[in-house]
Protein backbone atom coordinates (compact mmCIF):
# COMPACT_ATOMS: atom_id res chain seq x y z
CA MET A 1 79.57 62.22 77.79
CA ARG A 2 79.68 59.85 81.20
CA LEU A 3 80.01 61.74 84.36
CA TRP A 4 82.38 59.16 85.89
CA PHE A 5 84.50 59.66 82.43
CA ARG A 6 84.30 63.27 82.69
CA THR A 7 85.40 63.66 86.72
CA PRO A 8 88.96 62.54 86.66
CA PHE A 9 89.30 65.60 84.29
CA LEU A 10 87.71 67.98 86.03
CA LEU A 11 89.66 67.11 89.40
CA ALA A 12 92.55 67.65 87.78
CA LEU A 13 91.99 70.89 86.75
CA LEU A 14 90.59 71.49 90.18
CA TRP A 15 94.17 70.09 91.37
CA ALA A 16 96.14 71.68 89.13
CA PRO A 17 96.38 74.79 90.69
CA ALA A 18 96.87 73.58 94.36
CA ALA A 19 99.92 71.21 92.47
CA TYR A 20 101.23 74.35 90.87
CA ALA A 21 101.29 76.32 94.27
CA ALA A 22 102.85 72.95 96.42
CA ARG A 23 105.82 72.72 93.93
CA ALA A 24 106.62 76.25 93.86
CA CYS A 25 106.64 76.37 97.85
CA ASP A 26 108.91 73.04 97.53
CA ASP A 27 111.35 75.00 95.52
CA PHE A 28 111.33 78.36 97.62
CA TYR A 29 111.39 76.46 101.08
CA ALA A 30 114.74 74.39 99.75
CA ARG A 31 116.29 77.68 98.27
CA LEU A 32 115.46 80.62 100.50
CA PRO A 33 116.10 82.49 103.72
CA ASN A 34 113.65 83.12 106.24
CA VAL A 35 111.22 80.85 104.48
CA GLN A 36 109.25 78.10 106.03
CA TRP A 37 107.10 75.67 104.03
CA SER A 38 104.01 76.99 105.74
CA LEU A 39 104.91 80.42 104.63
CA CYS A 40 104.82 79.73 100.92
CA GLU A 41 101.43 77.85 101.30
CA GLN A 42 99.70 80.57 103.14
CA ALA A 43 100.36 82.77 100.59
CA GLN A 44 98.50 80.75 97.58
CA LEU A 45 100.76 81.76 94.78
CA GLN A 46 99.28 81.36 91.52
CA ASP A 47 100.77 80.15 88.24
CA SER A 48 100.58 83.72 85.93
CA MET A 49 100.96 81.19 82.97
CA ALA A 50 104.21 83.88 82.06
CA ARG A 51 107.31 81.20 81.49
CA SER A 52 110.87 81.82 81.98
CA VAL A 53 113.52 81.46 79.32
CA LYS A 54 114.04 77.48 80.82
CA GLY A 55 110.48 77.61 80.94
CA ARG A 56 109.77 78.44 84.80
CA PRO A 57 106.41 79.33 86.11
CA ILE A 58 106.70 83.07 87.60
CA TYR A 59 104.20 82.75 90.48
CA THR A 60 102.06 86.02 91.21
CA ARG A 61 99.74 86.71 94.17
CA ASP A 62 96.56 89.80 94.30
CA ILE A 63 95.43 90.90 97.45
CA ARG A 64 92.33 92.77 96.44
CA PRO A 65 90.15 93.94 99.17
CA GLU A 66 86.57 95.20 98.63
CA GLY A 67 86.66 98.59 97.77
CA ALA A 68 90.06 98.82 97.13
CA ARG A 69 91.39 101.97 95.38
CA LEU A 70 95.16 101.77 94.96
CA ARG A 71 97.07 99.44 93.18
CA VAL A 72 100.88 98.52 94.15
CA LEU A 73 102.93 95.98 92.56
CA VAL A 74 105.55 94.73 94.93
CA ILE A 75 108.11 92.68 92.92
CA GLY A 76 111.31 90.54 93.96
CA GLY A 77 113.96 88.15 92.35
CA MET A 78 114.62 90.54 89.35
CA HIS A 79 118.12 89.73 90.49
CA GLY A 80 118.49 85.70 90.62
CA ASP A 81 121.48 86.00 93.34
CA GLU A 82 119.14 88.38 95.53
CA LEU A 83 117.26 85.62 97.43
CA SER A 84 116.46 88.02 100.59
CA SER A 85 114.48 89.83 98.22
CA SER A 86 112.14 87.13 97.04
CA SER A 87 112.07 86.35 101.04
CA VAL A 88 110.83 89.67 101.90
CA ALA A 89 108.04 89.52 99.12
CA LEU A 90 106.62 86.28 100.93
CA HIS A 91 106.74 87.92 104.43
CA TRP A 92 105.44 90.78 102.84
CA ILE A 93 102.39 88.47 101.48
CA ARG A 94 101.54 87.42 104.79
CA LEU A 95 101.03 90.69 106.10
CA ALA A 96 98.99 91.90 103.80
CA GLN A 97 96.69 89.31 104.20
CA GLU A 98 96.75 90.17 108.30
CA THR A 99 96.56 94.40 107.15
CA PRO A 100 93.63 94.10 104.61
CA GLU A 101 92.80 98.24 103.73
CA ARG A 102 92.14 99.73 100.70
CA ILE A 103 94.98 98.64 98.46
CA HIS A 104 95.28 96.10 95.65
CA TRP A 105 98.12 94.23 96.14
CA ARG A 106 100.00 92.36 93.21
CA PHE A 107 102.88 90.33 94.10
CA ILE A 108 105.79 88.96 92.00
CA PRO A 109 108.03 87.37 94.29
CA ALA A 110 110.35 85.84 91.65
CA LEU A 111 110.41 87.93 88.23
CA ASN A 112 113.77 85.53 87.78
CA PRO A 113 113.14 82.22 88.60
CA ASP A 114 116.09 80.72 86.11
CA GLY A 115 118.53 82.88 88.00
CA LEU A 116 117.09 82.30 91.27
CA PHE A 117 116.96 78.38 91.28
CA ASN A 118 120.23 77.97 89.49
CA ARG A 119 122.80 76.23 91.78
CA PRO A 120 124.72 78.98 92.36
CA SER A 121 122.18 81.12 91.39
CA HIS A 122 122.59 84.02 89.39
CA ARG A 123 122.31 87.79 89.17
CA VAL A 124 121.01 87.37 85.35
CA ASN A 125 118.43 85.55 84.10
CA ALA A 126 119.56 82.32 81.47
CA ASN A 127 119.65 84.11 78.61
CA GLY A 128 122.65 86.11 80.27
CA VAL A 129 120.82 89.79 80.34
CA ASP A 130 120.60 91.58 83.37
CA LEU A 131 116.79 92.32 83.70
CA ASN A 132 116.88 95.86 85.10
CA ARG A 133 118.75 96.97 82.41
CA ASN A 134 116.28 95.42 79.66
CA PHE A 135 113.25 98.10 79.88
CA PRO A 136 112.71 100.33 77.46
CA THR A 137 114.41 103.43 78.45
CA PRO A 138 114.51 106.68 75.69
CA ASN A 139 117.46 106.11 73.82
CA TRP A 140 118.53 102.73 74.77
CA GLU A 141 119.76 101.22 71.82
CA LYS A 142 122.39 103.59 72.31
CA ASP A 143 122.76 104.58 76.02
CA ALA A 144 122.40 101.13 77.19
CA PRO A 145 125.49 99.33 75.19
CA PHE A 146 127.56 102.58 75.68
CA TYR A 147 126.87 102.43 79.07
CA TRP A 148 127.88 98.55 79.74
CA GLU A 149 130.93 98.90 77.40
CA LYS A 150 132.27 102.16 79.00
CA ARG A 151 131.08 102.41 82.76
CA THR A 152 130.78 98.58 83.64
CA ARG A 153 133.70 97.60 81.78
CA ARG A 154 131.26 94.49 79.78
CA ASP A 155 130.60 93.09 82.89
CA PRO A 156 128.32 90.29 82.39
CA ARG A 157 126.46 90.89 85.41
CA ARG A 158 125.35 93.93 83.69
CA TRP A 159 124.54 93.08 80.19
CA PRO A 160 121.62 94.99 79.29
CA GLY A 161 121.16 92.63 76.26
CA LYS A 162 120.51 92.64 72.11
CA MET A 163 117.80 94.72 72.64
CA PRO A 164 115.29 96.35 75.26
CA LEU A 165 112.02 93.32 76.23
CA SER A 166 114.38 90.75 74.52
CA GLU A 167 113.72 88.61 77.82
CA PRO A 168 110.89 86.97 78.41
CA GLU A 169 110.25 88.30 82.06
CA SER A 170 110.83 91.80 81.69
CA ARG A 171 108.18 91.70 79.14
CA PHE A 172 105.87 90.29 81.38
CA LEU A 173 106.69 92.41 83.94
CA HIS A 174 106.46 95.38 81.22
CA ALA A 175 102.73 93.78 80.56
CA GLU A 176 102.11 93.97 83.73
CA MET A 177 102.50 97.35 84.09
CA GLN A 178 100.15 98.09 81.17
CA ARG A 179 97.87 95.90 82.69
CA PHE A 180 97.83 96.47 86.32
CA GLN A 181 98.37 100.15 85.84
CA PRO A 182 100.12 100.14 89.63
CA ASN A 183 99.85 103.75 91.73
CA LEU A 184 102.96 102.67 93.09
CA ILE A 185 106.02 100.00 91.93
CA VAL A 186 107.58 98.92 95.00
CA SER A 187 111.30 96.65 93.56
CA ILE A 188 112.90 94.64 96.14
CA HIS A 189 116.93 94.08 95.23
CA ALA A 190 120.01 93.16 97.73
CA PRO A 191 122.72 94.45 98.72
CA TYR A 192 123.51 97.70 99.43
CA GLY A 193 121.38 98.58 102.56
CA LEU A 194 119.57 102.05 101.64
CA LEU A 195 116.11 103.11 99.85
CA ASP A 196 115.94 104.54 96.59
CA PHE A 197 113.26 106.28 94.47
CA ASP A 198 112.26 107.67 91.03
CA GLY A 199 109.16 109.50 90.29
CA PRO A 200 107.69 112.61 90.44
CA LEU A 201 106.21 111.61 94.49
CA PRO A 202 108.12 113.13 97.54
CA PRO A 203 109.93 109.93 98.42
CA PRO A 204 109.74 108.21 101.92
CA SER A 205 112.84 109.33 103.78
CA ARG A 206 113.36 105.53 105.27
CA LEU A 207 111.74 102.30 105.36
CA GLY A 208 112.66 100.30 108.74
CA ARG A 209 116.82 101.10 108.71
CA LEU A 210 116.89 101.81 105.57
CA TYR A 211 117.13 105.45 104.70
CA LEU A 212 116.58 106.79 101.46
CA ASP A 213 120.20 107.13 99.89
CA GLN A 214 118.92 108.02 96.01
CA VAL A 215 122.00 106.85 93.76
CA GLY A 216 121.21 107.60 90.00
CA ILE A 217 119.31 106.19 87.27
CA PHE A 218 120.59 103.70 84.71
CA PRO A 219 120.07 103.40 81.10
CA GLY A 220 117.05 100.37 81.42
CA SER A 221 116.30 100.15 84.56
CA LEU A 222 113.25 99.94 86.02
CA GLY A 223 113.59 102.94 88.28
CA ASN A 224 114.68 104.74 85.04
CA TYR A 225 111.67 103.71 82.88
CA GLY A 226 109.00 103.68 85.39
CA GLY A 227 109.96 106.52 87.74
CA VAL A 228 111.47 108.78 85.42
CA HIS A 229 109.67 108.33 81.68
CA LYS A 230 106.22 106.69 82.90
CA GLY A 231 105.57 109.23 85.46
CA MET A 232 105.31 105.84 87.97
CA PRO A 233 106.34 105.85 91.68
CA VAL A 234 109.12 103.12 91.70
CA VAL A 235 110.57 102.84 95.43
CA THR A 236 113.95 100.50 94.93
CA ILE A 237 114.62 98.39 98.36
CA GLU A 238 118.07 97.87 99.00
CA LEU A 239 118.31 94.77 101.54
CA PRO A 240 121.63 94.75 103.16
CA SER A 241 122.09 90.87 102.29
CA ALA A 242 121.44 89.15 99.39
CA LEU A 243 121.68 85.58 101.06
CA LEU A 244 120.04 86.88 104.60
CA THR A 245 117.00 88.26 105.27
CA PRO A 246 116.06 91.22 107.64
CA ARG A 247 114.78 89.94 111.24
CA ASN A 248 111.18 89.44 110.44
CA VAL A 249 110.71 92.59 113.40
CA GLU A 250 112.63 94.86 110.80
CA ILE A 251 110.43 93.46 108.01
CA GLN A 252 107.38 94.32 109.41
CA ARG A 253 108.41 97.51 110.03
CA MET A 254 109.82 98.13 106.92
CA TRP A 255 106.04 97.12 105.42
CA GLN A 256 104.69 99.53 107.91
CA ASP A 257 106.89 102.14 107.28
CA LEU A 258 105.86 101.70 103.37
CA ARG A 259 102.27 102.09 104.56
CA GLN A 260 102.46 104.69 106.07
CA TRP A 261 104.11 106.66 103.54
CA MET A 262 101.66 105.57 101.11
CA GLY A 263 98.69 106.91 103.01
CA ASP A 264 100.69 110.18 103.65
CA THR A 265 101.64 110.66 99.82
CA LEU A 266 99.17 108.42 98.04
CA ALA A 267 96.36 110.22 97.23
CA ASP A 268 92.97 107.46 97.92
CA GLY A 269 91.99 106.81 95.12
CA ALA A 270 94.72 108.37 92.73
CA THR A 271 95.55 107.00 88.97
CA SER A 272 98.43 106.15 87.66
CA ARG A 273 99.91 107.67 83.93
CA PRO A 274 98.68 105.01 81.22
CA LEU A 275 101.70 103.38 79.74
CA LYS A 276 102.35 102.93 76.18
CA PRO A 277 103.97 100.22 74.45
């Protein structure tokens, strides 16, 4: 095969990741509050090859300094109408790049791209499922439908789906938890303006202006599944607004408080409990 014939193909392979990232930044810049195109460009988002219900890419970003001993998974945009959660995740990617330490960060800034980029944005995914009620907690088949029907009065924004892990987005995150084996999961939400925690460790008392207020557990939630039943600590951040981010100085303060708590609480080189399928 002649080189002149192979060159366009090779160039296309090299260009494709940059093209995917540029398209993602076009979308994020147009949709998210307090996100400049340059912020997204610097994040260097990578196509995970996972796809949403409608075929949208789910992007990730790994920051892995040499000698990293801890693994932290940060998730934004699980609920598509909580735009600020994806924005903060992108800001935190920049901060992780600027403050390298012995932590392997894995970011998923928009787990539910169909909900996020819908007009208007939707909490649920394209199948109408609340992804944060779709994880395989014990007795899900009984507890999740009962809670939805009796406690939420069949609220369509909180439908848990027909079965646990019925959705490609929740299956992707579940698989990432198994592959990555994080020592900590940070799930960013809005708009209750508080800090929640599930897991075997002492919780952080505050992150920035958000104070600990543990709100309980729900059938099929990530905190219930990861923190309670798998012993994998889950910090749930509830930003004060779904449409507006905190000021940049507050985003940085939350980041600093998180790292301080991790340094005080997570033993260097700690390993998480292996997840079972």
